[in-house]
């Protein structure tokens, strides 16, 4: 679990917007990018971010 003090200082590296904890993701409230949490460590890299799910959460097919 991510410490509340850490969540207060984290910001989205892409748009500098505020973020919130949602399950196993840190989600930007401004641009919607989701950053993964691996082994309790937030991976706040734009390259690792995923777009917010908008249509029921179907994964990309990778075609």
N, C-alpha and C. Protein backbone atom coordinates (compact mmCIF):
# COMPACT_ATOMS: atom_id res chain seq x y z
N UNK A 1 0.84 -1.19 0.00
CA UNK A 1 0.00 0.00 0.00
C UNK A 1 0.88 1.25 0.00
N UNK A 2 0.43 2.26 -0.68
CA UNK A 2 1.17 3.51 -0.79
C UNK A 2 0.83 4.41 0.40
N UNK A 3 1.85 4.97 1.00
CA UNK A 3 1.69 5.86 2.14
C UNK A 3 0.94 7.13 1.74
N UNK A 4 0.05 7.60 2.61
CA UNK A 4 -0.73 8.83 2.32
C UNK A 4 0.17 10.04 2.12
N UNK A 5 1.25 10.13 2.88
CA UNK A 5 2.17 11.27 2.72
C UNK A 5 2.80 11.28 1.34
N UNK A 6 3.13 10.11 0.81
CA UNK A 6 3.69 10.03 -0.53
C UNK A 6 2.65 10.44 -1.56
N UNK A 7 1.41 9.98 -1.41
CA UNK A 7 0.35 10.33 -2.35
C UNK A 7 0.13 11.84 -2.40
N UNK A 8 0.30 12.51 -1.28
CA UNK A 8 0.10 13.97 -1.24
C UNK A 8 1.13 14.73 -2.06
N UNK A 9 2.33 14.18 -2.21
CA UNK A 9 3.37 14.90 -2.95
C UNK A 9 3.52 14.43 -4.39
N UNK A 10 2.93 13.30 -4.74
CA UNK A 10 3.05 12.81 -6.11
C UNK A 10 2.21 13.66 -7.06
N UNK A 11 2.69 13.80 -8.28
CA UNK A 11 1.97 14.49 -9.35
C UNK A 11 2.23 13.72 -10.64
N UNK A 12 1.33 13.85 -11.57
CA UNK A 12 1.48 13.21 -12.87
C UNK A 12 2.71 13.79 -13.59
N UNK A 13 3.63 12.95 -14.02
CA UNK A 13 4.81 13.48 -14.72
C UNK A 13 4.48 14.03 -16.11
N UNK A 14 3.35 13.64 -16.68
CA UNK A 14 2.99 14.11 -18.02
C UNK A 14 2.39 15.51 -17.99
N UNK A 15 1.43 15.74 -17.06
CA UNK A 15 0.73 17.03 -17.08
C UNK A 15 0.84 17.78 -15.76
N UNK A 16 1.50 17.19 -14.77
CA UNK A 16 1.70 17.80 -13.44
C UNK A 16 0.40 17.89 -12.63
N UNK A 17 -0.64 17.17 -13.07
CA UNK A 17 -1.92 17.19 -12.36
C UNK A 17 -1.90 16.32 -11.12
N UNK A 18 -2.91 16.46 -10.26
CA UNK A 18 -3.01 15.66 -9.04
C UNK A 18 -3.34 14.20 -9.39
N UNK A 19 -2.91 13.29 -8.53
CA UNK A 19 -3.15 11.87 -8.74
C UNK A 19 -3.88 11.27 -7.55
N UNK A 20 -4.53 10.13 -7.78
CA UNK A 20 -5.21 9.41 -6.72
C UNK A 20 -4.93 7.92 -6.86
N UNK A 21 -5.07 7.20 -5.78
CA UNK A 21 -4.85 5.77 -5.76
C UNK A 21 -6.14 5.06 -6.12
N UNK A 22 -6.06 4.16 -7.11
CA UNK A 22 -7.21 3.34 -7.51
C UNK A 22 -6.72 1.92 -7.70
N UNK A 23 -7.05 1.06 -6.76
CA UNK A 23 -6.65 -0.34 -6.76
C UNK A 23 -5.13 -0.45 -6.90
N UNK A 24 -4.63 -0.98 -8.02
CA UNK A 24 -3.19 -1.16 -8.20
C UNK A 24 -2.61 -0.12 -9.16
N UNK A 25 -3.25 1.03 -9.24
CA UNK A 25 -2.82 2.09 -10.14
C UNK A 25 -2.81 3.43 -9.42
N UNK A 26 -1.95 4.32 -9.88
CA UNK A 26 -2.01 5.73 -9.50
C UNK A 26 -2.55 6.44 -10.74
N UNK A 27 -3.68 7.11 -10.58
CA UNK A 27 -4.40 7.67 -11.72
C UNK A 27 -4.40 9.19 -11.66
N UNK A 28 -4.03 9.81 -12.77
CA UNK A 28 -4.05 11.26 -12.86
C UNK A 28 -5.48 11.75 -13.00
N UNK A 29 -5.85 12.72 -12.18
CA UNK A 29 -7.20 13.27 -12.22
C UNK A 29 -7.39 14.26 -13.38
N UNK A 30 -6.30 14.71 -13.98
CA UNK A 30 -6.37 15.67 -15.08
C UNK A 30 -6.39 14.97 -16.44
N UNK A 31 -5.35 14.21 -16.75
CA UNK A 31 -5.22 13.62 -18.09
C UNK A 31 -5.66 12.16 -18.14
N UNK A 32 -5.86 11.52 -16.98
CA UNK A 32 -6.37 10.16 -16.95
C UNK A 32 -5.33 9.07 -17.10
N UNK A 33 -4.06 9.42 -17.24
CA UNK A 33 -3.04 8.38 -17.34
C UNK A 33 -2.99 7.57 -16.05
N UNK A 34 -2.78 6.24 -16.19
CA UNK A 34 -2.69 5.34 -15.05
C UNK A 34 -1.26 4.81 -14.95
N UNK A 35 -0.68 4.95 -13.79
CA UNK A 35 0.69 4.50 -13.54
C UNK A 35 0.64 3.26 -12.66
N UNK A 36 1.36 2.20 -13.03
CA UNK A 36 1.29 0.96 -12.26
C UNK A 36 2.03 1.05 -10.94
N UNK A 37 1.63 0.18 -10.01
CA UNK A 37 2.35 0.01 -8.75
C UNK A 37 2.86 -1.42 -8.76
N UNK A 38 4.17 -1.57 -8.68
CA UNK A 38 4.79 -2.90 -8.70
C UNK A 38 5.55 -3.13 -7.41
N UNK A 39 5.23 -4.21 -6.72
CA UNK A 39 5.86 -4.55 -5.45
C UNK A 39 5.82 -3.38 -4.47
N UNK A 40 4.70 -2.65 -4.47
CA UNK A 40 4.52 -1.53 -3.56
C UNK A 40 5.22 -0.25 -3.97
N UNK A 41 5.79 -0.23 -5.18
CA UNK A 41 6.54 0.94 -5.66
C UNK A 41 5.80 1.56 -6.85
N UNK A 42 5.40 2.84 -6.75
CA UNK A 42 4.75 3.48 -7.90
C UNK A 42 5.75 3.72 -9.03
N UNK A 43 5.38 3.30 -10.23
CA UNK A 43 6.23 3.49 -11.41
C UNK A 43 5.72 4.72 -12.15
N UNK A 44 6.25 5.87 -11.80
CA UNK A 44 5.77 7.15 -12.32
C UNK A 44 6.56 7.55 -13.57
N UNK A 45 6.56 6.69 -14.56
CA UNK A 45 7.22 6.95 -15.84
C UNK A 45 6.15 7.04 -16.92
N UNK A 46 6.20 8.08 -17.73
CA UNK A 46 5.22 8.25 -18.80
C UNK A 46 5.24 7.04 -19.73
N UNK A 47 6.41 6.47 -19.96
CA UNK A 47 6.53 5.31 -20.85
C UNK A 47 5.80 4.09 -20.31
N UNK A 48 5.59 4.00 -19.00
CA UNK A 48 4.92 2.87 -18.37
C UNK A 48 3.42 3.12 -18.17
N UNK A 49 2.96 4.34 -18.42
CA UNK A 49 1.57 4.71 -18.15
C UNK A 49 0.63 4.13 -19.20
N UNK A 50 -0.61 3.93 -18.79
CA UNK A 50 -1.67 3.45 -19.68
C UNK A 50 -2.77 4.51 -19.70
N UNK A 51 -3.49 4.59 -20.80
CA UNK A 51 -4.65 5.48 -20.88
C UNK A 51 -5.75 4.92 -19.99
N UNK A 52 -6.59 5.79 -19.46
CA UNK A 52 -7.71 5.37 -18.63
C UNK A 52 -8.66 4.51 -19.45
N UNK A 53 -9.25 3.51 -18.78
CA UNK A 53 -10.23 2.65 -19.45
C UNK A 53 -11.53 3.43 -19.58
N UNK A 54 -12.08 3.42 -20.80
CA UNK A 54 -13.30 4.20 -21.02
C UNK A 54 -14.46 3.34 -21.53
N UNK A 55 -14.17 2.13 -22.01
CA UNK A 55 -15.25 1.33 -22.61
C UNK A 55 -15.34 -0.06 -22.02
N UNK A 56 -15.32 -0.15 -20.72
CA UNK A 56 -15.50 -1.44 -20.10
C UNK A 56 -14.20 -2.17 -19.82
N UNK A 57 -13.06 -1.57 -20.12
CA UNK A 57 -11.79 -2.15 -19.72
C UNK A 57 -11.25 -3.22 -20.62
N UNK A 58 -11.67 -3.28 -21.88
CA UNK A 58 -11.11 -4.27 -22.77
C UNK A 58 -9.68 -3.92 -23.10
N UNK A 59 -8.76 -4.89 -23.00
CA UNK A 59 -7.35 -4.60 -23.32
C UNK A 59 -7.17 -4.39 -24.81
N UNK A 60 -6.10 -3.67 -25.16
CA UNK A 60 -5.77 -3.48 -26.57
C UNK A 60 -5.46 -4.82 -27.20
N UNK A 61 -5.87 -4.99 -28.45
CA UNK A 61 -5.66 -6.27 -29.14
C UNK A 61 -4.22 -6.40 -29.64
N UNK A 62 -3.53 -5.28 -29.81
CA UNK A 62 -2.13 -5.31 -30.25
C UNK A 62 -1.97 -5.65 -31.71
N UNK A 63 -3.02 -5.43 -32.51
CA UNK A 63 -2.96 -5.77 -33.94
C UNK A 63 -1.99 -4.93 -34.67
